[in-house]
Amino acid sequence: MTFQADAWRRVRARCVWDGDCLIWQGALNGCGYGVIRVNGRNVRVHRIAYDHAKGPVPKGLVLDHVRKMGCVSRACCNAAHLEAVTNRVNILRGVGASAQHARQTHCISGHLLVAENLRPPRGRGRECRLCYNRSQRGARARRMARAL
């Protein structure tokens, strides 16, 4: 039996179906991903499942548990729920702060966040030109009032 086939057999023996998800019942790492010890190191079980069903993950790509397919569990090892994507795509599909800000279409004042209304950011992210100009006018007016 090959290394991959043996690892998959061990993974499949400790999974149960929950709807369309094949949920790992063994150890989880700190981020909630299923892990199994293979050749003296921890390997994420969803990577073993993908490798068994579709082949190795292409270099430069990561595996994404695709929400559109109903998969919300990091312990899921159903290869049909996994897609090899770039890290950027994986992050933007998520629910974290980066993904939320990327999906944001208006600033907190309601201005549309389009190229014409964005200024070069001072750090990372996007900055509304209208809001920035308003804050600068207010700061300038306060400085002038103190100088008088």
Protein backbone atom coordinates (compact mmCIF):
# COMPACT_ATOMS: atom_id res chain seq x y z
CA MET A 1 0.00 0.00 0.00
CA THR A 2 1.39 3.42 -0.93
CA PHE A 3 1.98 6.24 1.54
CA GLN A 4 -0.99 8.26 0.25
CA ALA A 5 -3.35 5.28 0.17
CA ASP A 6 -2.42 4.29 3.74
CA ALA A 7 -2.84 7.86 5.01
CA TRP A 8 -6.25 8.15 3.29
CA ARG A 9 -7.36 4.79 4.72
CA ARG A 10 -6.46 6.03 8.22
CA VAL A 11 -8.27 9.35 7.65
CA ARG A 12 -11.42 7.75 6.20
CA ALA A 13 -11.65 5.35 9.15
CA ARG A 14 -12.04 8.30 11.56
CA CYS A 15 -14.58 10.37 9.61
CA VAL A 16 -18.37 10.51 9.72
CA TRP A 17 -20.82 12.05 7.29
CA ASP A 18 -22.72 15.12 8.49
CA GLY A 19 -24.90 16.17 5.57
CA ASP A 20 -22.51 16.65 2.65
CA CYS A 21 -19.46 17.13 4.88
CA LEU A 22 -17.11 14.31 5.81
CA ILE A 23 -16.15 15.39 9.33
CA TRP A 24 -12.87 14.31 10.92
CA GLN A 25 -13.42 12.86 14.41
CA GLY A 26 -9.78 12.80 15.49
CA ALA A 27 -7.39 15.44 16.76
CA LEU A 28 -7.77 19.08 15.73
CA ASN A 29 -5.04 21.71 15.66
CA GLY A 30 -5.48 25.11 17.31
CA CYS A 31 -7.23 26.49 14.22
CA GLY A 32 -9.81 23.68 14.05
CA TYR A 33 -8.27 21.69 11.19
CA GLY A 34 -8.10 17.90 11.50
CA VAL A 35 -4.57 16.55 11.85
CA ILE A 36 -3.02 13.10 11.74
CA ARG A 37 0.54 11.97 12.37
CA VAL A 38 2.22 10.69 9.19
CA ASN A 39 5.90 9.73 9.09
CA GLY A 40 6.58 11.60 12.31
CA ARG A 41 4.88 14.88 11.43
CA ASN A 42 1.39 16.34 11.67
CA VAL A 43 -0.46 16.58 8.35
CA ARG A 44 -3.85 18.25 7.86
CA VAL A 45 -6.42 15.64 6.90
CA HIS A 46 -8.11 17.79 4.26
CA ARG A 47 -4.78 17.90 2.39
CA ILE A 48 -4.60 14.11 2.46
CA ALA A 49 -8.19 13.92 1.16
CA TYR A 50 -7.45 16.36 -1.68
CA ASP A 51 -4.23 14.55 -2.57
CA HIS A 52 -6.08 11.22 -2.66
CA ALA A 53 -8.99 12.46 -4.81
CA LYS A 54 -7.43 15.10 -7.08
CA GLY A 55 -3.66 14.79 -6.79
CA PRO A 56 -1.13 17.08 -5.12
CA VAL A 57 -1.96 20.72 -4.44
CA PRO A 58 -0.29 22.81 -7.17
CA LYS A 59 2.70 24.85 -6.04
CA GLY A 60 1.75 28.36 -4.90
CA LEU A 61 -1.88 27.40 -4.14
CA VAL A 62 -3.69 26.61 -0.89
CA LEU A 63 -6.84 24.62 -0.20
CA ASP A 64 -10.12 26.45 0.39
CA HIS A 65 -13.17 24.90 2.05
CA VAL A 66 -15.72 26.29 -0.40
CA ARG A 67 -18.72 27.86 1.37
CA LYS A 68 -20.81 27.87 -1.81
CA MET A 69 -20.79 24.08 -1.62
CA GLY A 70 -22.15 24.25 1.92
CA CYS A 71 -18.86 23.57 3.68
CA VAL A 72 -18.25 25.66 6.78
CA SER A 73 -16.25 23.18 8.86
CA ARG A 74 -12.46 23.20 8.93
CA ALA A 75 -12.66 19.58 10.08
CA CYS A 76 -14.34 18.59 6.79
CA CYS A 77 -12.24 16.34 4.57
CA ASN A 78 -14.66 15.87 1.66
CA ALA A 79 -12.48 16.51 -1.38
CA ALA A 80 -15.53 17.77 -3.31
CA HIS A 81 -15.65 20.73 -0.89
CA LEU A 82 -12.02 21.64 -1.45
CA GLU A 83 -10.61 23.89 -4.15
CA ALA A 84 -6.99 24.85 -4.80
CA VAL A 85 -6.80 28.66 -4.98
CA THR A 86 -4.28 31.41 -4.31
CA ASN A 87 -3.90 32.57 -0.72
CA ARG A 88 -5.43 35.95 -1.67
CA VAL A 89 -8.58 34.32 -3.08
CA ASN A 90 -8.83 32.09 -0.01
CA ILE A 91 -8.62 35.08 2.34
CA LEU A 92 -11.12 37.16 0.35
CA ARG A 93 -13.64 34.28 0.35
CA GLY A 94 -13.45 34.15 4.12
CA VAL A 95 -15.21 36.05 6.87
CA GLY A 96 -12.20 37.84 8.42
CA ALA A 97 -11.53 41.57 8.50
CA SER A 98 -9.60 41.54 5.20
CA ALA A 99 -12.50 39.89 3.39
CA GLN A 100 -15.07 42.22 4.96
CA HIS A 101 -13.12 45.34 4.00
CA ALA A 102 -12.60 44.08 0.45
CA ARG A 103 -16.37 43.61 0.05
CA GLN A 104 -17.10 47.09 1.43
CA THR A 105 -18.56 49.34 -1.27
CA HIS A 106 -19.12 52.55 0.76
CA CYS A 107 -17.18 54.39 3.45
CA ILE A 108 -18.72 55.00 6.89
CA SER A 109 -20.09 58.34 5.63
CA GLY A 110 -21.84 56.65 2.71
CA HIS A 111 -19.48 57.72 -0.09
CA LEU A 112 -18.98 55.22 -2.87
CA LEU A 113 -15.54 53.57 -2.74
CA VAL A 114 -14.54 53.73 -6.41
CA ALA A 115 -11.17 54.59 -7.98
CA GLU A 116 -11.99 58.29 -8.47
CA ASN A 117 -12.91 58.65 -4.79
CA LEU A 118 -9.93 56.83 -3.31
CA ARG A 119 -6.68 58.43 -2.28
CA PRO A 120 -3.32 56.69 -1.98
CA PRO A 121 -3.42 55.08 1.48
CA ARG A 122 -0.99 56.13 4.19
CA GLY A 123 -0.66 52.52 5.25
CA ARG A 124 -2.61 49.59 3.94
CA GLY A 125 -6.19 49.61 2.76
CA ARG A 126 -8.39 52.17 1.06
CA GLU A 127 -9.18 55.71 2.13
CA CYS A 128 -12.13 57.82 0.96
CA ARG A 129 -10.84 61.05 -0.60
CA LEU A 130 -13.97 63.05 0.40
CA CYS A 131 -13.74 62.02 4.06
CA TYR A 132 -9.98 62.65 4.13
CA ASN A 133 -10.40 66.13 2.64
CA ARG A 134 -13.16 66.96 5.15
CA SER A 135 -10.97 65.86 8.09
CA GLN A 136 -8.03 67.88 6.75
CA ARG A 137 -10.20 71.02 6.40
CA GLY A 138 -11.37 70.59 10.00
CA ALA A 139 -7.82 70.09 11.28
CA ARG A 140 -6.61 73.14 9.34
CA ALA A 141 -9.44 75.26 10.75
CA ARG A 142 -8.59 74.16 14.33
CA ARG A 143 -4.91 75.01 13.81
CA MET A 144 -5.82 78.45 12.43
CA ALA A 145 -8.17 79.11 15.38
CA ARG A 146 -5.39 78.25 17.87
CA ALA A 147 -2.92 80.48 16.04
CA LEU A 148 -5.17 83.55 16.42
